[in-house]
Each structure stands twice: as structure tokens, then as C-alpha cells.
Amino acid sequence: MGPLLFLIPIALALGTLGLAAFLWTLWNGQCEDLDGAAERIFLDDDLPE
């Protein structure tokens, strides 16, 4: 029972930290251009030498 009293608060803190990081990315516009990353692979940015 002793280790659970130590591990449960740590798990809750890490879960809260992960949720806060996810919400921060949503509020700062990190998830707005989902198609841009998928289409960027088709762009030919290589310069001929």
C-alpha cells in the first residue's frame, strides 16, 4: 500500500501535465494546418547542383 501512495500522485501529476501541454498546443494554433504537413512531402525543394 505504501508505494501506491507515492505512485498515484505522480501519475496524476504527469497526466495533468500532458493534458496541459495538449491544451497549450491547441490554444497556440499548432493543430490548425494538418493538411500542410501532409502535402509538404510532395514539394520539390531540392536545388540542382
Protein backbone atom coordinates (compact mmCIF):
# COMPACT_ATOMS: atom_id res chain seq x y z
CA MET A 1 0.00 0.00 0.00
CA GLY A 2 2.93 2.32 0.65
CA PRO A 3 4.20 2.53 -2.94
CA LEU A 4 0.70 3.35 -4.20
CA LEU A 5 0.59 6.44 -2.02
CA PHE A 6 3.74 7.53 -3.80
CA LEU A 7 2.89 6.50 -7.38
CA ILE A 8 -0.72 7.67 -7.66
CA PRO A 9 0.06 11.39 -7.14
CA ILE A 10 2.96 11.13 -9.60
CA ALA A 11 0.69 9.52 -12.21
CA LEU A 12 -1.97 12.18 -11.69
CA ALA A 13 0.61 14.96 -11.96
CA LEU A 14 2.05 13.55 -15.20
CA GLY A 15 -1.44 13.13 -16.66
CA THR A 16 -2.31 16.71 -15.77
CA LEU A 17 0.96 17.92 -17.27
CA GLY A 18 0.25 16.02 -20.50
CA LEU A 19 -3.27 17.43 -20.71
CA ALA A 20 -1.98 20.95 -20.08
CA ALA A 21 0.63 20.54 -22.83
CA PHE A 22 -2.02 19.28 -25.26
CA LEU A 23 -4.36 22.16 -24.48
CA TRP A 24 -1.48 24.63 -24.86
CA THR A 25 -0.80 23.32 -28.37
CA LEU A 26 -4.47 23.70 -29.27
CA TRP A 27 -4.65 27.28 -27.99
CA ASN A 28 -1.44 28.28 -29.78
CA GLY A 29 -2.54 27.01 -33.19
CA GLN A 30 -0.23 24.00 -33.50
CA CYS A 31 -3.05 21.79 -34.84
CA GLU A 32 -4.57 24.17 -37.38
CA ASP A 33 -2.73 23.18 -40.58
CA LEU A 34 -2.96 19.40 -40.65
CA ASP A 35 -3.01 19.17 -44.45
CA GLY A 36 0.05 21.36 -44.90
CA ALA A 37 2.41 18.81 -43.37
CA ALA A 38 0.90 16.02 -45.46
CA GLU A 39 1.25 17.99 -48.71
CA ARG A 40 4.74 19.30 -47.94
CA ILE A 41 6.22 15.92 -48.86
CA PHE A 42 5.20 16.48 -52.48
CA LEU A 43 7.03 19.81 -52.82
CA ASP A 44 10.34 19.63 -54.63
CA ASP A 45 12.64 21.91 -52.64
CA ASP A 46 15.87 20.27 -53.78
CA LEU A 47 18.06 22.64 -55.75
CA PRO A 48 20.05 21.12 -58.63
CA GLU A 49 23.78 21.45 -58.24
